[in-house]
Amino acid sequence: MGKNEEAVQMLQAGHARFPAHRALTAFYALALFSSGKHAEALAEMIELTLRVPDFYERYTRSLGNYARDLRDDGT
């Protein structure tokens, strides 16, 4: 609603406090995306889906590496 940075800060604090809360993480990623932080948003979403057992089956390691690379290159 036009307050992207405020949303990112609020959701980042919630995410830091409750890192296992999947919905909070998803909204945090969406706020990051809305703020133009696309690589970080994608990394959050990838890491979020990696927390679901067997979601990616044998691709967990490679996708985790990709998310880390996005964070390193996107900042």
C-alpha atoms as a PDB file:
ATOM      1  CA  MET A   1       0.000   0.000   0.000  1.00  0.00           C
ATOM      2  CA  GLY A   2       2.860   2.348  -0.780  1.00  0.00           C
ATOM      3  CA  LYS A   3       4.781   1.761   2.441  1.00  0.00           C
ATOM      4  CA  ASN A   4       7.140  -0.910   1.164  1.00  0.00           C
ATOM      5  CA  GLU A   5      10.163  -0.096   3.313  1.00  0.00           C
ATOM      6  CA  GLU A   6       8.020   0.103   6.445  1.00  0.00           C
ATOM      7  CA  ALA A   7       6.492  -3.274   5.588  1.00  0.00           C
ATOM      8  CA  VAL A   8       9.929  -4.799   4.979  1.00  0.00           C
ATOM      9  CA  GLN A   9      11.190  -3.577   8.356  1.00  0.00           C
ATOM     10  CA  MET A  10       8.134  -4.838  10.221  1.00  0.00           C
ATOM     11  CA  LEU A  11       8.093  -8.217   8.489  1.00  0.00           C
ATOM     12  CA  GLN A  12      11.864  -8.590   8.819  1.00  0.00           C
ATOM     13  CA  ALA A  13      11.540  -8.157  12.585  1.00  0.00           C
ATOM     14  CA  GLY A  14       8.765 -10.739  12.694  1.00  0.00           C
ATOM     15  CA  HIS A  15      10.738 -13.113  10.500  1.00  0.00           C
ATOM     16  CA  ALA A  16      13.795 -12.772  12.756  1.00  0.00           C
ATOM     17  CA  ARG A  17      11.666 -13.543  15.797  1.00  0.00           C
ATOM     18  CA  PHE A  18       9.654 -16.375  14.219  1.00  0.00           C
ATOM     19  CA  PRO A  19      11.835 -17.806  11.422  1.00  0.00           C
ATOM     20  CA  ALA A  20       9.789 -21.015  11.135  1.00  0.00           C
ATOM     21  CA  HIS A  21       6.497 -19.184  10.488  1.00  0.00           C
ATOM     22  CA  ARG A  22       5.934 -19.904   6.790  1.00  0.00           C
ATOM     23  CA  ALA A  23       3.196 -17.352   6.085  1.00  0.00           C
ATOM     24  CA  LEU A  24       5.217 -14.567   7.696  1.00  0.00           C
ATOM     25  CA  THR A  25       8.212 -15.537   5.599  1.00  0.00           C
ATOM     26  CA  ALA A  26       6.115 -15.498   2.415  1.00  0.00           C
ATOM     27  CA  PHE A  27       4.774 -12.009   3.139  1.00  0.00           C
ATOM     28  CA  TYR A  28       8.294 -10.854   4.010  1.00  0.00           C
ATOM     29  CA  ALA A  29       9.507 -12.138   0.625  1.00  0.00           C
ATOM     30  CA  LEU A  30       6.641 -10.354  -1.145  1.00  0.00           C
ATOM     31  CA  ALA A  31       7.483  -7.108   0.644  1.00  0.00           C
ATOM     32  CA  LEU A  32      11.126  -7.483  -0.388  1.00  0.00           C
ATOM     33  CA  PHE A  33      10.027  -7.988  -3.991  1.00  0.00           C
ATOM     34  CA  SER A  34       7.779  -4.909  -3.859  1.00  0.00           C
ATOM     35  CA  SER A  35      10.765  -2.929  -2.586  1.00  0.00           C
ATOM     36  CA  GLY A  36      12.847  -3.935  -5.582  1.00  0.00           C
ATOM     37  CA  LYS A  37      14.930  -6.490  -3.699  1.00  0.00           C
ATOM     38  CA  HIS A  38      14.155  -9.250  -6.178  1.00  0.00           C
ATOM     39  CA  ALA A  39      17.114 -11.550  -5.562  1.00  0.00           C
ATOM     40  CA  GLU A  40      16.613 -11.479  -1.793  1.00  0.00           C
ATOM     41  CA  ALA A  41      12.873 -12.081  -2.227  1.00  0.00           C
ATOM     42  CA  LEU A  42      13.468 -15.071  -4.467  1.00  0.00           C
ATOM     43  CA  ALA A  43      16.061 -16.465  -2.053  1.00  0.00           C
ATOM     44  CA  GLU A  44      13.557 -16.203   0.823  1.00  0.00           C
ATOM     45  CA  MET A  45      10.896 -18.019  -1.210  1.00  0.00           C
ATOM     46  CA  ILE A  46      13.304 -20.780  -2.231  1.00  0.00           C
ATOM     47  CA  GLU A  47      14.430 -21.238   1.364  1.00  0.00           C
ATOM     48  CA  LEU A  48      10.796 -21.239   2.486  1.00  0.00           C
ATOM     49  CA  THR A  49       9.917 -24.094   0.174  1.00  0.00           C
ATOM     50  CA  LEU A  50      13.037 -25.984   1.242  1.00  0.00           C
ATOM     51  CA  ARG A  51      11.538 -26.193   4.743  1.00  0.00           C
ATOM     52  CA  VAL A  52       8.707 -28.393   3.450  1.00  0.00           C
ATOM     53  CA  PRO A  53       9.925 -32.005   3.712  1.00  0.00           C
ATOM     54  CA  ASP A  54      10.450 -33.688   0.342  1.00  0.00           C
ATOM     55  CA  PHE A  55       9.051 -30.692  -1.564  1.00  0.00           C
ATOM     56  CA  TYR A  56      11.941 -30.691  -3.999  1.00  0.00           C
ATOM     57  CA  GLU A  57      13.119 -34.236  -3.319  1.00  0.00           C
ATOM     58  CA  ARG A  58      16.667 -34.541  -4.620  1.00  0.00           C
ATOM     59  CA  TYR A  59      17.040 -30.850  -5.572  1.00  0.00           C
ATOM     60  CA  THR A  60      17.187 -29.486  -2.033  1.00  0.00           C
ATOM     61  CA  ARG A  61      20.967 -29.059  -1.971  1.00  0.00           C
ATOM     62  CA  SER A  62      21.274 -27.376  -5.368  1.00  0.00           C
ATOM     63  CA  LEU A  63      18.338 -25.030  -4.727  1.00  0.00           C
ATOM     64  CA  GLY A  64      19.758 -24.107  -1.332  1.00  0.00           C
ATOM     65  CA  ASN A  65      23.035 -23.236  -3.027  1.00  0.00           C
ATOM     66  CA  TYR A  66      21.179 -21.160  -5.616  1.00  0.00           C
ATOM     67  CA  ALA A  67      19.373 -19.218  -2.878  1.00  0.00           C
ATOM     68  CA  ARG A  68      22.723 -18.498  -1.178  1.00  0.00           C
ATOM     69  CA  ASP A  69      24.198 -17.346  -4.498  1.00  0.00           C
ATOM     70  CA  LEU A  70      21.253 -15.003  -5.029  1.00  0.00           C
ATOM     71  CA  ARG A  71      21.857 -13.450  -1.633  1.00  0.00           C
ATOM     72  CA  ASP A  72      25.572 -13.030  -2.288  1.00  0.00           C
ATOM     73  CA  ASP A  73      25.089 -11.543  -5.766  1.00  0.00           C
ATOM     74  CA  GLY A  74      21.926  -9.575  -5.025  1.00  0.00           C
ATOM     75  CA  THR A  75      23.232  -7.391  -2.225  1.00  0.00           C
END
